[in-house]
Amino acid sequence: MEFAPKDPDWQARVRASFSAQKFMAHLGAELVHLAPGAVDLELKLRPEVTQQHGFFHAGATTSIADSAAGYAALSLFAAGIGVLTSEFKINLLNPARQQILLARGRVVKPGRTLTIAKADVYGLDDGTQVHVATGLFTLMGVSGVRD
């Protein structure tokens, strides 16, 4: 599905917002793909993002899924409108210990106030891809906050 951003400077705004998000920096997440209504984030495997068995922690998996969906939504918002998650449901499908987690956030239905997006998270390693999680997100456009 093709979407048209409402802000001509949407790419710079999304990149600046992602760069300012300290939690994503803390996790080590990187923005690797950006298109209208679509954002991909990567997280490399390191001990700090794992749980006691060496798998990616569900909190890390869920966090990059949420941010990928949120930034996909933000890419379509007008200038001066920020994004907040108001609800999400995520299913953890497989444990992940691959070298990279890739979260693919995609807008399902843009709206004036609420936008629905999905995120699928995959574990990537040596040409293999494991579907780790899938989620549905409700994002809210808010004015008066920094992008």
N, C-alpha and C. Protein backbone atom coordinates (compact mmCIF):
# COMPACT_ATOMS: atom_id res chain seq x y z
N MET A 1 0.83 -1.17 0.00
CA MET A 1 0.00 0.00 0.00
C MET A 1 0.89 1.24 0.00
N GLU A 2 0.55 2.21 -0.83
CA GLU A 2 1.34 3.44 -0.90
C GLU A 2 0.63 4.55 -0.15
N PHE A 3 1.41 5.30 0.62
CA PHE A 3 0.89 6.41 1.41
C PHE A 3 1.62 7.68 1.03
N ALA A 4 0.95 8.81 1.20
CA ALA A 4 1.55 10.11 0.93
C ALA A 4 1.74 10.85 2.25
N PRO A 5 2.98 11.17 2.61
CA PRO A 5 3.23 11.94 3.83
C PRO A 5 2.61 13.33 3.74
N LYS A 6 2.17 13.85 4.89
CA LYS A 6 1.58 15.20 4.94
C LYS A 6 2.64 16.27 5.15
N ASP A 7 3.85 15.87 5.49
CA ASP A 7 4.95 16.79 5.75
C ASP A 7 6.01 16.58 4.68
N PRO A 8 6.35 17.60 3.89
CA PRO A 8 7.38 17.42 2.86
C PRO A 8 8.75 17.07 3.44
N ASP A 9 8.99 17.42 4.71
CA ASP A 9 10.27 17.11 5.36
C ASP A 9 10.16 15.90 6.29
N TRP A 10 9.26 14.97 5.95
CA TRP A 10 8.99 13.82 6.82
C TRP A 10 10.22 12.97 7.11
N GLN A 11 11.08 12.77 6.12
CA GLN A 11 12.25 11.92 6.36
C GLN A 11 13.18 12.52 7.41
N ALA A 12 13.48 13.79 7.27
CA ALA A 12 14.37 14.46 8.23
C ALA A 12 13.74 14.47 9.61
N ARG A 13 12.42 14.68 9.67
CA ARG A 13 11.73 14.72 10.97
C ARG A 13 11.76 13.36 11.66
N VAL A 14 11.52 12.29 10.90
CA VAL A 14 11.55 10.94 11.49
C VAL A 14 12.97 10.60 11.95
N ARG A 15 13.96 10.89 11.11
CA ARG A 15 15.35 10.59 11.50
C ARG A 15 15.77 11.39 12.74
N ALA A 16 15.39 12.66 12.80
CA ALA A 16 15.75 13.49 13.96
C ALA A 16 15.06 12.97 15.21
N SER A 17 13.81 12.59 15.10
CA SER A 17 13.08 12.06 16.25
C SER A 17 13.71 10.76 16.74
N PHE A 18 14.04 9.87 15.80
CA PHE A 18 14.67 8.61 16.19
C PHE A 18 16.01 8.86 16.86
N SER A 19 16.79 9.77 16.32
CA SER A 19 18.10 10.10 16.90
C SER A 19 17.98 10.66 18.31
N ALA A 20 16.86 11.34 18.59
CA ALA A 20 16.66 11.94 19.92
C ALA A 20 16.09 10.95 20.93
N GLN A 21 15.69 9.78 20.49
CA GLN A 21 15.07 8.82 21.40
C GLN A 21 16.16 8.06 22.16
N LYS A 22 16.35 8.41 23.38
CA LYS A 22 17.44 7.88 24.17
C LYS A 22 17.30 6.38 24.47
N PHE A 23 16.07 5.88 24.59
CA PHE A 23 15.91 4.46 24.88
C PHE A 23 16.36 3.59 23.71
N MET A 24 16.04 4.00 22.49
CA MET A 24 16.51 3.23 21.33
C MET A 24 18.03 3.27 21.26
N ALA A 25 18.63 4.41 21.57
CA ALA A 25 20.10 4.51 21.60
C ALA A 25 20.65 3.60 22.69
N HIS A 26 20.00 3.58 23.84
CA HIS A 26 20.43 2.71 24.95
C HIS A 26 20.42 1.24 24.54
N LEU A 27 19.37 0.84 23.82
CA LEU A 27 19.29 -0.55 23.36
C LEU A 27 20.30 -0.85 22.25
N GLY A 28 20.66 0.19 21.48
CA GLY A 28 21.55 0.00 20.33
C GLY A 28 20.78 -0.21 19.04
N ALA A 29 19.51 0.16 18.99
CA ALA A 29 18.69 0.00 17.79
C ALA A 29 19.10 1.01 16.73
N GLU A 30 19.02 0.58 15.47
CA GLU A 30 19.37 1.43 14.33
C GLU A 30 18.21 1.49 13.35
N LEU A 31 18.01 2.67 12.78
CA LEU A 31 17.01 2.86 11.73
C LEU A 31 17.66 2.44 10.41
N VAL A 32 17.11 1.39 9.76
CA VAL A 32 17.76 0.86 8.56
C VAL A 32 16.91 1.00 7.30
N HIS A 33 15.64 1.32 7.45
CA HIS A 33 14.77 1.51 6.27
C HIS A 33 13.70 2.52 6.64
N LEU A 34 13.44 3.44 5.70
CA LEU A 34 12.44 4.49 5.92
C LEU A 34 11.73 4.78 4.61
N ALA A 35 10.41 4.63 4.62
CA ALA A 35 9.56 4.96 3.48
C ALA A 35 8.24 5.45 4.06
N PRO A 36 7.41 6.13 3.27
CA PRO A 36 6.12 6.59 3.82
C PRO A 36 5.29 5.41 4.35
N GLY A 37 5.03 5.44 5.65
CA GLY A 37 4.25 4.38 6.29
C GLY A 37 5.02 3.11 6.59
N ALA A 38 6.36 3.15 6.47
CA ALA A 38 7.17 1.95 6.69
C ALA A 38 8.51 2.30 7.32
N VAL A 39 8.84 1.62 8.41
CA VAL A 39 10.13 1.81 9.09
C VAL A 39 10.65 0.45 9.54
N ASP A 40 11.94 0.22 9.30
CA ASP A 40 12.60 -0.99 9.79
C ASP A 40 13.69 -0.59 10.77
N LEU A 41 13.74 -1.29 11.90
CA LEU A 41 14.77 -1.08 12.91
C LEU A 41 15.54 -2.38 13.12
N GLU A 42 16.84 -2.26 13.35
CA GLU A 42 17.68 -3.42 13.64
C GLU A 42 18.27 -3.30 15.04
N LEU A 43 18.41 -4.46 15.67
CA LEU A 43 19.06 -4.54 16.97
C LEU A 43 20.01 -5.73 16.92
N LYS A 44 21.28 -5.46 17.19
CA LYS A 44 22.29 -6.52 17.17
C LYS A 44 22.32 -7.25 18.52
N LEU A 45 22.57 -8.55 18.45
CA LEU A 45 22.65 -9.37 19.66
C LEU A 45 23.89 -9.00 20.47
N ARG A 46 23.67 -8.70 21.74
CA ARG A 46 24.74 -8.48 22.72
C ARG A 46 24.18 -8.86 24.08
N PRO A 47 25.03 -9.17 25.02
CA PRO A 47 24.55 -9.65 26.32
C PRO A 47 23.56 -8.71 27.01
N GLU A 48 23.70 -7.41 26.80
CA GLU A 48 22.84 -6.44 27.49
C GLU A 48 21.39 -6.49 27.05
N VAL A 49 21.07 -7.10 25.92
CA VAL A 49 19.68 -7.16 25.45
C VAL A 49 19.12 -8.58 25.49
N THR A 50 19.78 -9.45 26.26
CA THR A 50 19.33 -10.84 26.37
C THR A 50 18.75 -11.12 27.75
N GLN A 51 18.04 -12.24 27.82
CA GLN A 51 17.55 -12.72 29.10
C GLN A 51 18.47 -13.85 29.58
N GLN A 52 18.09 -14.53 30.63
CA GLN A 52 18.99 -15.48 31.30
C GLN A 52 19.40 -16.69 30.47
N HIS A 53 18.65 -17.01 29.39
CA HIS A 53 18.99 -18.16 28.56
C HIS A 53 19.74 -17.77 27.29
N GLY A 54 20.05 -16.49 27.15
CA GLY A 54 20.81 -16.02 26.00
C GLY A 54 19.97 -15.59 24.82
N PHE A 55 18.63 -15.64 24.94
CA PHE A 55 17.76 -15.17 23.88
C PHE A 55 17.56 -13.66 24.03
N PHE A 56 17.19 -12.99 22.91
CA PHE A 56 16.80 -11.60 23.03
C PHE A 56 15.69 -11.50 24.07
N HIS A 57 15.76 -10.51 24.93
CA HIS A 57 14.73 -10.30 25.95
C HIS A 57 13.44 -9.84 25.27
N ALA A 58 12.30 -10.30 25.78
CA ALA A 58 11.01 -9.90 25.22
C ALA A 58 10.83 -8.38 25.28
N GLY A 59 11.39 -7.74 26.29
CA GLY A 59 11.30 -6.29 26.38
C GLY A 59 12.03 -5.59 25.25
N ALA A 60 13.17 -6.12 24.84
CA ALA A 60 13.91 -5.55 23.71
C ALA A 60 13.14 -5.79 22.41
N THR A 61 12.62 -7.00 22.25
CA THR A 61 11.84 -7.34 21.06
C THR A 61 10.62 -6.45 20.94
N THR A 62 9.89 -6.31 22.03
CA THR A 62 8.68 -5.50 22.04
C THR A 62 8.99 -4.02 21.81
N SER A 63 10.08 -3.56 22.39
CA SER A 63 10.44 -2.14 22.26
C SER A 63 10.75 -1.76 20.82
N ILE A 64 11.50 -2.59 20.11
CA ILE A 64 11.81 -2.21 18.72
C ILE A 64 10.58 -2.37 17.83
N ALA A 65 9.70 -3.32 18.15
CA ALA A 65 8.44 -3.45 17.40
C ALA A 65 7.59 -2.19 17.58
N ASP A 66 7.46 -1.73 18.82
CA ASP A 66 6.68 -0.53 19.13
C ASP A 66 7.26 0.69 18.42
N SER A 67 8.57 0.86 18.46
CA SER A 67 9.18 2.03 17.82
C SER A 67 9.08 1.95 16.30
N ALA A 68 9.23 0.78 15.72
CA ALA A 68 9.10 0.64 14.26
C ALA A 68 7.69 1.02 13.83
N ALA A 69 6.68 0.53 14.54
CA ALA A 69 5.30 0.87 14.22
C ALA A 69 5.05 2.37 14.44
N GLY A 70 5.56 2.91 15.53
CA GLY A 70 5.36 4.32 15.84
C GLY A 70 6.00 5.24 14.81
N TYR A 71 7.20 4.92 14.39
CA TYR A 71 7.86 5.76 13.40
C TYR A 71 7.24 5.60 12.02
N ALA A 72 6.71 4.42 11.72
CA ALA A 72 5.96 4.26 10.47
C ALA A 72 4.77 5.21 10.46
N ALA A 73 4.07 5.29 11.59
CA ALA A 73 2.93 6.21 11.70
C ALA A 73 3.39 7.66 11.61
N LEU A 74 4.45 8.01 12.34
CA LEU A 74 4.95 9.39 12.34
C LEU A 74 5.31 9.85 10.92
N SER A 75 5.78 8.94 10.10
CA SER A 75 6.18 9.32 8.74
C SER A 75 5.03 9.91 7.93
N LEU A 76 3.80 9.62 8.34
CA LEU A 76 2.62 10.12 7.61
C LEU A 76 1.97 11.33 8.27
N PHE A 77 2.38 11.69 9.48
CA PHE A 77 1.77 12.79 10.21
C PHE A 77 2.21 14.14 9.66
N ALA A 78 1.37 15.14 9.88
CA ALA A 78 1.69 16.51 9.49
C ALA A 78 2.82 17.05 10.37
N ALA A 79 3.50 18.07 9.88
CA ALA A 79 4.54 18.73 10.66
C ALA A 79 3.93 19.24 11.97
N GLY A 80 4.70 19.13 13.05
CA GLY A 80 4.23 19.61 14.34
C GLY A 80 3.40 18.61 15.12
N ILE A 81 3.14 17.44 14.56
CA ILE A 81 2.38 16.40 15.24
C ILE A 81 3.35 15.29 15.63
N GLY A 82 3.36 14.95 16.91
CA GLY A 82 4.20 13.86 17.40
C GLY A 82 3.40 12.58 17.49
N VAL A 83 4.04 11.51 17.92
CA VAL A 83 3.38 10.21 17.98
C VAL A 83 3.53 9.60 19.37
N LEU A 84 2.45 9.02 19.86
CA LEU A 84 2.46 8.26 21.10
C LEU A 84 1.69 6.96 20.86
N THR A 85 2.17 5.89 21.45
CA THR A 85 1.45 4.62 21.39
C THR A 85 0.35 4.66 22.42
N SER A 86 -0.87 4.31 22.01
CA SER A 86 -1.96 4.26 22.98
C SER A 86 -2.34 2.82 23.33
N GLU A 87 -2.01 1.88 22.46
CA GLU A 87 -2.34 0.47 22.76
C GLU A 87 -1.54 -0.43 21.83
N PHE A 88 -1.16 -1.60 22.33
CA PHE A 88 -0.60 -2.61 21.43
C PHE A 88 -0.80 -4.00 22.01
N LYS A 89 -0.79 -4.93 21.09
CA LYS A 89 -0.89 -6.36 21.41
C LYS A 89 0.21 -7.03 20.61
N ILE A 90 1.02 -7.81 21.29
CA ILE A 90 2.12 -8.48 20.59
C ILE A 90 2.12 -9.96 20.94
N ASN A 91 2.39 -10.77 19.95
CA ASN A 91 2.56 -12.20 20.15
C ASN A 91 4.02 -12.54 19.92
N LEU A 92 4.63 -13.18 20.92
CA LEU A 92 6.00 -13.66 20.79
C LEU A 92 5.90 -15.07 20.22
N LEU A 93 6.43 -15.27 19.02
CA LEU A 93 6.24 -16.52 18.28
C LEU A 93 7.37 -17.52 18.46
N ASN A 94 8.59 -17.03 18.53
CA ASN A 94 9.78 -17.89 18.66
C ASN A 94 10.84 -17.16 19.46
N PRO A 95 11.62 -17.88 20.25
CA PRO A 95 12.76 -17.23 20.89
C PRO A 95 13.80 -16.88 19.84
N ALA A 96 14.54 -15.82 20.08
CA ALA A 96 15.53 -15.36 19.09
C ALA A 96 16.90 -15.27 19.72
N ARG A 97 17.86 -15.88 19.05
CA ARG A 97 19.25 -15.78 19.46
C ARG A 97 20.12 -15.53 18.22
N GLN A 98 19.46 -15.16 17.12
CA GLN A 98 20.18 -14.82 15.90
C GLN A 98 21.00 -13.54 16.13
N GLN A 99 21.86 -13.23 15.21
CA GLN A 99 22.76 -12.08 15.37
C GLN A 99 22.03 -10.74 15.30
N ILE A 100 20.91 -10.70 14.58
CA ILE A 100 20.19 -9.44 14.39
C ILE A 100 18.70 -9.67 14.56
N LEU A 101 18.04 -8.72 15.25
CA LEU A 101 16.58 -8.65 15.26
C LEU A 101 16.20 -7.51 14.32
N LEU A 102 15.25 -7.78 13.42
CA LEU A 102 14.76 -6.78 12.49
C LEU A 102 13.28 -6.59 12.74
N ALA A 103 12.88 -5.36 13.10
CA ALA A 103 11.47 -5.02 13.29
C ALA A 103 11.00 -4.23 12.09
N ARG A 104 9.95 -4.73 11.43
CA ARG A 104 9.38 -4.06 10.26
C ARG A 104 8.04 -3.46 10.64
N GLY A 105 8.00 -2.16 10.80
CA GLY A 105 6.76 -1.45 11.14
C GLY A 105 6.08 -0.96 9.87
N ARG A 106 4.77 -1.23 9.77
CA ARG A 106 4.00 -0.83 8.59
C ARG A 106 2.65 -0.27 9.00
N VAL A 107 2.27 0.86 8.42
CA VAL A 107 0.95 1.42 8.67
C VAL A 107 -0.09 0.56 7.97
N VAL A 108 -1.14 0.23 8.69
CA VAL A 108 -2.26 -0.52 8.14
C VAL A 108 -3.34 0.45 7.70
N LYS A 109 -3.69 1.40 8.60
CA LYS A 109 -4.71 2.40 8.29
C LYS A 109 -4.34 3.72 8.96
N PRO A 110 -4.00 4.72 8.14
CA PRO A 110 -3.72 6.03 8.72
C PRO A 110 -5.02 6.73 9.11
N GLY A 111 -4.94 7.57 10.12
CA GLY A 111 -6.11 8.31 10.55
C GLY A 111 -5.75 9.72 10.97
N ARG A 112 -6.79 10.54 11.20
CA ARG A 112 -6.55 11.92 11.63
C ARG A 112 -6.00 11.96 13.05
N THR A 113 -6.57 11.15 13.93
CA THR A 113 -6.12 11.12 15.32
C THR A 113 -5.43 9.80 15.66
N LEU A 114 -6.03 8.70 15.24
CA LEU A 114 -5.47 7.38 15.52
C LEU A 114 -5.03 6.70 14.23
N THR A 115 -3.88 6.08 14.29
CA THR A 115 -3.34 5.32 13.17
C THR A 115 -3.09 3.90 13.65
N ILE A 116 -3.46 2.93 12.81
CA ILE A 116 -3.23 1.53 13.13
C ILE A 116 -2.01 1.06 12.33
N ALA A 117 -1.09 0.41 13.02
CA ALA A 117 0.11 -0.11 12.37
C ALA A 117 0.38 -1.51 12.89
N LYS A 118 1.19 -2.25 12.14
CA LYS A 118 1.61 -3.57 12.58
C LYS A 118 3.13 -3.61 12.58
N ALA A 119 3.67 -4.55 13.31
CA ALA A 119 5.11 -4.76 13.28
C ALA A 119 5.37 -6.25 13.35
N ASP A 120 6.25 -6.70 12.48
CA ASP A 120 6.74 -8.07 12.52
C ASP A 120 8.21 -8.02 12.83
N VAL A 121 8.65 -8.90 13.73
CA VAL A 121 10.05 -8.93 14.15
C VAL A 121 10.63 -10.27 13.71
N TYR A 122 11.82 -10.20 13.11
CA TYR A 122 12.49 -11.39 12.60
C TYR A 122 13.89 -11.49 13.18
N GLY A 123 14.32 -12.69 13.47
CA GLY A 123 15.71 -12.96 13.83
C GLY A 123 16.45 -13.33 12.55
N LEU A 124 17.56 -12.65 12.27
CA LEU A 124 18.33 -12.87 11.05
C LEU A 124 19.72 -13.37 11.39
N ASP A 125 20.14 -14.41 10.66
CA ASP A 125 21.47 -14.98 10.91
C ASP A 125 21.87 -15.84 9.72
N ASP A 126 22.98 -15.52 9.08
CA ASP A 126 23.52 -16.34 7.99
C ASP A 126 22.48 -16.78 6.97
N GLY A 127 21.68 -15.85 6.50
CA GLY A 127 20.69 -16.15 5.47
C GLY A 127 19.41 -16.79 5.98
N THR A 128 19.32 -17.06 7.27
CA THR A 128 18.08 -17.60 7.82
C THR A 128 17.26 -16.47 8.42
N GLN A 129 15.95 -16.67 8.41
CA GLN A 129 15.03 -15.68 8.97
C GLN A 129 13.99 -16.43 9.81
N VAL A 130 13.89 -16.06 11.09
CA VAL A 130 12.92 -16.67 12.00
C VAL A 130 11.93 -15.59 12.42
N HIS A 131 10.64 -15.87 12.25
CA HIS A 131 9.60 -14.91 12.66
C HIS A 131 9.49 -14.99 14.19
N VAL A 132 9.89 -13.92 14.85
CA VAL A 132 10.01 -13.87 16.30
C VAL A 132 8.75 -13.31 16.97
N ALA A 133 8.16 -12.29 16.38
CA ALA A 133 7.00 -11.64 17.01
C ALA A 133 6.17 -10.93 15.96
N THR A 134 4.91 -10.74 16.29
CA THR A 134 4.02 -9.94 15.45
C THR A 134 3.11 -9.15 16.36
N GLY A 135 2.84 -7.91 16.00
CA GLY A 135 2.03 -7.06 16.86
C GLY A 135 1.17 -6.09 16.09
N LEU A 136 0.13 -5.63 16.75
CA LEU A 136 -0.79 -4.63 16.21
C LEU A 136 -0.76 -3.44 17.17
N PHE A 137 -0.64 -2.24 16.62
CA PHE A 137 -0.42 -1.03 17.41
C PHE A 137 -1.42 0.06 17.04
N THR A 138 -1.88 0.78 18.06
CA THR A 138 -2.68 1.98 17.86
C THR A 138 -1.81 3.16 18.26
N LEU A 139 -1.59 4.07 17.33
CA LEU A 139 -0.74 5.23 17.56
C LEU A 139 -1.58 6.48 17.49
N MET A 140 -1.27 7.43 18.34
CA MET A 140 -2.03 8.66 18.43
C MET A 140 -1.16 9.83 18.01
N GLY A 141 -1.70 10.67 17.14
CA GLY A 141 -1.04 11.91 16.79
C GLY A 141 -1.32 12.95 17.85
N VAL A 142 -0.27 13.60 18.35
CA VAL A 142 -0.43 14.59 19.41
C VAL A 142 0.32 15.88 19.04
N SER A 143 -0.34 17.00 19.30
CA SER A 143 0.34 18.27 19.08
C SER A 143 0.91 18.75 20.41
N GLY A 144 1.85 19.66 20.31
CA GLY A 144 2.43 20.23 21.53
C GLY A 144 3.55 19.39 22.12
N VAL A 145 4.02 18.37 21.40
CA VAL A 145 5.17 17.60 21.86
C VAL A 145 6.24 17.70 20.79
N ARG A 146 7.46 17.51 21.19
CA ARG A 146 8.56 17.52 20.24
C ARG A 146 8.53 16.22 19.46
N ASP A 147 8.73 16.29 18.15
CA ASP A 147 8.75 15.08 17.30
C ASP A 147 9.83 14.13 17.75
